[in-house]
């Protein structure tokens, strides 16, 4: 989204003005394809919401899925719904609507929740890597370590851990002049680097121990079973960290605006769409069994 500055509001700062409103231009280079883009993004957003709601419903209504892995997965699905909802509805309105303006307060609010939810998700991915570590490296103590109270506290810690680290830089940005884009870019880079790289370091450390443990398993079947436990998480982590590091953790921000917007749309819309598919492929048999059991239960109740 591109911005444009509107008439100044005096703040008693000589030769400067304060931004009151932004004009959103979406993808000006693809104006002739805006209807196709609208349909594609609307379809992706609808599918993302539906599949994540289905996963949450299955996990919370079936006793067989009351495990730490599925508990964290339900939280990840909930986060994916919120994360894509922060950006997609406004983008859809911008593609076809006549009014393409956003207030400064609205822009800051959207920015805060975008980075806040993204930060929560990265911390949650790190927590999920610890869950994999416990399941593979300490299987005998796993149920004691990852009890329901610990899982709840870890999830709460994800939300609280993202609150201040995003709130403080957001407040700092609101105090800056709009024209000081260099400083804004540095704040964005430092925040992204701190969040992404610190959680990546924790996740990498967990997987170093996990891989080491898997390699010491004597049987090939045992190694395959252990690896399948964390295969879905590894895939999601690779996509999430790879795409976000490529877009945000770089000092050189000279790439074209259209490139940045396209990359952001992929992260915001496509990644939450893929996450349920990745976990469903890994747990397809379990989900099919759950669905079958639910159908049989309904039939028996009718009889």
Protein backbone atom coordinates (compact mmCIF):
# COMPACT_ATOMS: atom_id res chain seq x y z
CA UNK A 1 0.00 0.00 0.00
CA UNK A 2 1.31 3.38 -0.95
CA UNK A 3 0.85 6.53 1.07
CA UNK A 4 0.30 10.15 0.17
CA UNK A 5 0.51 13.12 2.46
CA UNK A 6 -2.47 15.44 2.85
CA UNK A 7 -2.64 19.09 3.98
CA UNK A 8 -0.64 19.76 7.12
CA UNK A 9 -1.89 20.19 10.62
CA UNK A 10 0.24 22.61 12.59
CA UNK A 11 2.16 21.19 15.51
CA UNK A 12 4.35 24.26 15.84
CA UNK A 13 7.18 22.57 13.98
CA UNK A 14 8.69 24.85 11.34
CA UNK A 15 8.74 23.63 7.74
CA UNK A 16 7.10 20.32 8.66
CA UNK A 17 3.60 18.89 8.57
CA UNK A 18 1.80 16.09 10.31
CA UNK A 19 0.18 13.26 8.38
CA UNK A 20 -3.55 12.96 9.01
CA UNK A 21 -4.54 10.51 6.31
CA UNK A 22 -3.11 7.97 3.89
CA UNK A 23 -4.31 7.14 0.40
CA UNK A 24 -4.18 3.42 -0.36
CA UNK A 25 -3.38 2.55 -3.96
CA UNK A 26 -3.18 -1.26 -3.64
CA UNK A 27 -1.58 -2.46 -6.91
CA UNK A 28 -1.62 0.44 -9.43
CA UNK A 29 0.43 -1.60 -11.92
CA UNK A 30 -2.33 -4.24 -12.03
CA UNK A 31 -5.43 -2.08 -12.28
CA UNK A 32 -6.79 -4.10 -15.20
CA UNK A 33 -6.59 -7.25 -13.05
CA UNK A 34 -8.13 -5.82 -9.90
CA UNK A 35 -11.37 -7.83 -10.25
CA UNK A 36 -9.39 -11.05 -10.68
CA UNK A 37 -7.21 -10.10 -7.71
CA UNK A 38 -10.32 -9.35 -5.65
CA UNK A 39 -11.86 -12.76 -6.43
CA UNK A 40 -8.59 -14.61 -5.74
CA UNK A 41 -7.95 -12.82 -2.43
CA UNK A 42 -11.58 -13.19 -1.33
CA UNK A 43 -11.47 -16.91 -2.09
CA UNK A 44 -8.16 -17.32 -0.24
CA UNK A 45 -9.47 -15.37 2.77
CA UNK A 46 -12.70 -17.39 2.89
CA UNK A 47 -10.86 -20.71 2.63
CA UNK A 48 -8.39 -19.63 5.33
CA UNK A 49 -11.18 -18.74 7.74
CA UNK A 50 -13.21 -21.87 7.00
CA UNK A 51 -10.40 -24.42 7.26
CA UNK A 52 -8.98 -22.89 10.43
CA UNK A 53 -12.43 -22.76 12.05
CA UNK A 54 -12.94 -26.43 11.13
CA UNK A 55 -9.58 -27.38 12.69
CA UNK A 56 -10.37 -25.44 15.89
CA UNK A 57 -13.81 -27.06 16.10
CA UNK A 58 -12.43 -30.58 15.61
CA UNK A 59 -9.71 -30.10 18.21
CA UNK A 60 -11.95 -28.63 20.90
CA UNK A 61 -14.85 -31.06 20.42
CA UNK A 62 -12.93 -34.34 20.33
CA UNK A 63 -11.35 -35.76 23.46
CA UNK A 64 -8.77 -37.70 21.44
CA UNK A 65 -7.17 -34.41 20.38
CA UNK A 66 -6.76 -32.91 23.85
CA UNK A 67 -2.97 -33.03 23.60
CA UNK A 68 -0.37 -30.23 23.76
CA UNK A 69 0.40 -30.44 20.02
CA UNK A 70 -3.23 -29.99 19.01
CA UNK A 71 -3.77 -27.35 21.70
CA UNK A 72 -0.99 -25.23 20.21
CA UNK A 73 -2.26 -25.99 16.71
CA UNK A 74 -5.69 -24.63 17.60
CA UNK A 75 -4.04 -21.45 18.87
CA UNK A 76 -2.04 -21.21 15.64
CA UNK A 77 -5.26 -21.55 13.62
CA UNK A 78 -6.91 -18.83 15.71
CA UNK A 79 -3.90 -16.58 15.15
CA UNK A 80 -3.98 -17.21 11.40
CA UNK A 81 -7.61 -16.09 11.25
CA UNK A 82 -6.86 -12.88 13.15
CA UNK A 83 -3.62 -12.22 11.26
CA UNK A 84 -5.19 -12.35 7.81
CA UNK A 85 -8.29 -10.45 8.99
CA UNK A 86 -6.16 -7.46 10.00
CA UNK A 87 -5.12 -6.80 6.38
CA UNK A 88 -7.33 -8.65 3.88
CA UNK A 89 -10.74 -6.95 4.36
CA UNK A 90 -9.21 -3.48 3.94
CA UNK A 91 -7.25 -4.67 0.91
CA UNK A 92 -10.42 -6.09 -0.67
CA UNK A 93 -12.26 -2.83 -0.05
CA UNK A 94 -9.35 -0.92 -1.55
CA UNK A 95 -9.38 -3.00 -4.73
CA UNK A 96 -13.00 -2.29 -5.64
CA UNK A 97 -14.16 0.54 -3.39
CA UNK A 98 -14.16 4.20 -4.34
CA UNK A 99 -12.97 5.45 -0.95
CA UNK A 100 -9.31 4.47 -0.59
CA UNK A 101 -8.31 6.64 2.37
CA UNK A 102 -7.23 5.53 5.82
CA UNK A 103 -6.79 7.78 8.81
CA UNK A 104 -3.44 8.01 10.53
CA UNK A 105 -4.93 6.47 13.69
CA UNK A 106 -6.43 3.63 11.64
CA UNK A 107 -3.10 2.99 9.91
CA UNK A 108 -1.19 2.88 13.20
CA UNK A 109 -3.82 0.58 14.74
CA UNK A 110 -3.63 -1.78 11.77
CA UNK A 111 0.17 -1.71 11.88
CA UNK A 112 0.20 -2.50 15.59
CA UNK A 113 -2.09 -5.51 15.31
CA UNK A 114 -0.28 -6.74 12.19
CA UNK A 115 3.10 -6.82 13.97
CA UNK A 116 1.59 -7.84 17.31
CA UNK A 117 -0.16 -10.93 15.90
CA UNK A 118 2.88 -11.75 13.77
CA UNK A 119 5.09 -11.59 16.87
CA UNK A 120 2.69 -13.81 18.83
CA UNK A 121 2.84 -16.35 16.01
CA UNK A 122 6.64 -16.44 15.97
CA UNK A 123 6.77 -16.93 19.74
CA UNK A 124 4.13 -19.65 19.43
CA UNK A 125 6.18 -21.42 16.76
CA UNK A 126 9.12 -21.38 19.16
CA UNK A 127 6.92 -22.84 21.90
CA UNK A 128 5.73 -25.55 19.49
CA UNK A 129 9.35 -26.42 18.78
CA UNK A 130 9.84 -26.89 22.54
CA UNK A 131 6.79 -29.16 22.53
CA UNK A 132 8.43 -31.27 19.78
CA UNK A 133 11.64 -31.29 21.82
CA UNK A 134 9.80 -32.61 24.86
CA UNK A 135 7.95 -35.28 22.88
CA UNK A 136 11.11 -36.62 21.21
CA UNK A 137 13.93 -35.92 23.65
CA UNK A 138 12.06 -36.50 26.94
CA UNK A 139 9.18 -38.85 26.10
CA UNK A 140 8.95 -40.35 29.60
CA UNK A 141 8.60 -36.93 31.25
CA UNK A 142 6.63 -35.34 28.42
CA UNK A 143 3.19 -35.60 30.02
CA UNK A 144 4.55 -34.15 33.26
CA UNK A 145 6.37 -31.25 31.60
CA UNK A 146 3.65 -30.39 29.07
CA UNK A 147 0.63 -30.60 31.35
CA UNK A 148 -2.49 -28.52 30.69
CA UNK A 149 -1.44 -25.76 33.10
CA UNK A 150 2.00 -25.45 31.45
CA UNK A 151 0.44 -25.30 27.98
CA UNK A 152 -1.98 -22.58 29.08
CA UNK A 153 0.81 -20.53 30.69
CA UNK A 154 3.01 -20.88 27.58
CA UNK A 155 0.18 -19.71 25.35
CA UNK A 156 -0.56 -16.78 27.65
CA UNK A 157 3.16 -15.98 27.64
CA UNK A 158 3.10 -15.78 23.82
CA UNK A 159 0.46 -13.04 23.95
CA UNK A 160 1.97 -11.14 26.84
CA UNK A 161 5.49 -11.51 25.42
CA UNK A 162 4.42 -9.77 22.21
CA UNK A 163 2.51 -6.93 23.83
CA UNK A 164 5.21 -4.50 24.99
CA UNK A 165 7.89 -5.31 22.37
CA UNK A 166 5.45 -4.16 19.67
CA UNK A 167 3.60 -1.46 21.59
CA UNK A 168 6.68 0.60 22.50
CA UNK A 169 8.10 0.88 18.93
CA UNK A 170 4.60 1.65 17.63
CA UNK A 171 4.28 4.55 20.07
CA UNK A 172 7.74 5.76 19.05
CA UNK A 173 6.72 5.70 15.37
CA UNK A 174 3.60 7.76 16.09
CA UNK A 175 5.83 10.48 17.55
CA UNK A 176 7.96 10.67 14.42
CA UNK A 177 7.38 12.96 11.50
CA UNK A 178 6.08 11.19 8.42
CA UNK A 179 8.95 12.52 6.33
CA UNK A 180 11.51 10.82 8.57
CA UNK A 181 11.21 7.53 6.72
CA UNK A 182 14.85 6.53 7.29
CA UNK A 183 14.36 6.36 11.06
CA UNK A 184 11.03 4.54 10.60
CA UNK A 185 12.76 1.92 8.43
CA UNK A 186 15.46 1.43 11.09
CA UNK A 187 12.82 0.95 13.81
CA UNK A 188 11.03 -1.56 11.58
CA UNK A 189 14.28 -3.42 10.88
CA UNK A 190 15.34 -3.57 14.55
CA UNK A 191 11.92 -4.78 15.70
CA UNK A 192 11.69 -7.43 12.97
CA UNK A 193 15.25 -8.62 13.56
CA UNK A 194 14.73 -8.85 17.34
CA UNK A 195 11.50 -10.81 17.10
CA UNK A 196 12.30 -13.10 14.17
CA UNK A 197 15.93 -13.87 14.89
CA UNK A 198 15.51 -14.39 18.64
CA UNK A 199 12.62 -16.83 18.18
CA UNK A 200 14.53 -18.47 15.31
CA UNK A 201 17.54 -18.99 17.60
CA UNK A 202 15.35 -20.73 20.19
CA UNK A 203 13.66 -22.87 17.51
CA UNK A 204 17.00 -23.79 15.95
CA UNK A 205 18.40 -24.78 19.35
CA UNK A 206 15.41 -27.04 19.97
CA UNK A 207 15.82 -28.75 16.62
CA UNK A 208 19.54 -29.27 17.13
CA UNK A 209 18.68 -31.44 20.13
CA UNK A 210 15.75 -33.06 18.30
CA UNK A 211 17.82 -34.05 15.27
CA UNK A 212 20.63 -35.30 17.50
CA UNK A 213 18.16 -37.48 19.40
CA UNK A 214 16.56 -38.82 16.21
CA UNK A 215 19.95 -39.80 14.76
CA UNK A 216 20.69 -41.85 17.88
CA UNK A 217 17.50 -43.92 17.52
CA UNK A 218 18.68 -47.39 16.43
CA UNK A 219 15.77 -48.48 14.22
CA UNK A 220 14.86 -46.82 10.91
CA UNK A 221 11.16 -47.13 11.76
CA UNK A 222 11.73 -45.33 15.05
CA UNK A 223 13.63 -42.53 13.34
CA UNK A 224 10.89 -42.15 10.74
CA UNK A 225 8.19 -42.03 13.41
CA UNK A 226 10.11 -39.45 15.44
CA UNK A 227 10.74 -37.29 12.40
CA UNK A 228 7.08 -37.44 11.34
CA UNK A 229 6.16 -35.98 14.74
CA UNK A 230 7.81 -32.66 13.90
CA UNK A 231 7.75 -32.71 10.06
CA UNK A 232 4.71 -30.41 9.77
CA UNK A 233 6.18 -27.93 12.24
CA UNK A 234 9.51 -27.87 10.39
CA UNK A 235 7.69 -27.08 7.13
CA UNK A 236 5.66 -24.24 8.64
CA UNK A 237 8.72 -22.83 10.43
CA UNK A 238 10.74 -22.87 7.20
CA UNK A 239 8.02 -21.02 5.28
CA UNK A 240 7.35 -18.49 8.05
CA UNK A 241 10.94 -17.60 8.89
CA UNK A 242 12.20 -17.76 5.32
CA UNK A 243 9.56 -15.43 3.89
CA UNK A 244 9.62 -12.92 6.75
CA UNK A 245 13.42 -12.71 6.91
CA UNK A 246 13.48 -12.14 3.16
CA UNK A 247 10.97 -9.27 3.38
CA UNK A 248 11.62 -7.57 6.71
CA UNK A 249 15.07 -8.36 8.08
CA UNK A 250 17.12 -6.38 5.58
CA UNK A 251 18.71 -2.97 5.93
CA UNK A 252 18.45 -2.19 2.22
CA UNK A 253 14.83 -1.19 1.58
CA UNK A 254 15.40 -0.09 -2.02
CA UNK A 255 13.31 -2.80 -3.67
CA UNK A 256 10.27 -1.57 -5.57
CA UNK A 257 7.11 -0.81 -3.62
CA UNK A 258 5.12 -3.25 -5.77
CA UNK A 259 7.58 -6.03 -4.86
CA UNK A 260 7.20 -5.31 -1.13
CA UNK A 261 3.41 -5.22 -1.41
CA UNK A 262 3.26 -8.49 -3.33
CA UNK A 263 5.57 -10.18 -0.80
CA UNK A 264 3.49 -8.88 2.11
CA UNK A 265 0.28 -10.18 0.53
CA UNK A 266 1.87 -13.62 0.12
CA UNK A 267 2.89 -13.64 3.79
CA UNK A 268 -0.46 -12.34 5.04
CA UNK A 269 -2.82 -14.34 2.83
CA UNK A 270 -1.05 -17.39 1.40
CA UNK A 271 0.87 -18.56 4.48
CA UNK A 272 -2.22 -18.76 6.77
CA UNK A 273 -3.96 -20.61 3.91
CA UNK A 274 -1.19 -23.22 3.67
CA UNK A 275 -0.70 -23.89 7.39
CA UNK A 276 -3.90 -25.98 7.88
CA UNK A 277 -3.16 -27.99 4.73
CA UNK A 278 0.35 -28.79 5.97
CA UNK A 279 -0.85 -30.00 9.36
CA UNK A 280 -3.84 -31.82 7.82
CA UNK A 281 -1.57 -33.80 5.48
CA UNK A 282 0.52 -34.89 8.46
CA UNK A 283 -2.55 -35.84 10.52
CA UNK A 284 -4.91 -36.86 7.74
CA UNK A 285 -5.62 -40.30 9.24
CA UNK A 286 -6.43 -38.83 12.65
CA UNK A 287 -8.77 -36.22 11.18
CA UNK A 288 -10.52 -38.80 9.02
CA UNK A 289 -11.03 -41.04 12.05
CA UNK A 290 -12.43 -38.12 14.01
CA UNK A 291 -14.82 -37.21 11.19
CA UNK A 292 -15.90 -40.85 10.86
CA UNK A 293 -16.48 -41.18 14.59
CA UNK A 294 -18.52 -37.97 14.59
CA UNK A 295 -20.72 -39.21 11.74
CA UNK A 296 -21.27 -42.60 13.41
CA UNK A 297 -22.17 -40.89 16.67
CA UNK A 298 -24.71 -38.69 14.91
CA UNK A 299 -26.26 -41.71 13.14
CA UNK A 300 -26.53 -43.65 16.40
CA UNK A 301 -28.20 -40.69 18.08
CA UNK A 302 -30.74 -40.46 15.24
CA UNK A 303 -31.52 -44.18 15.56
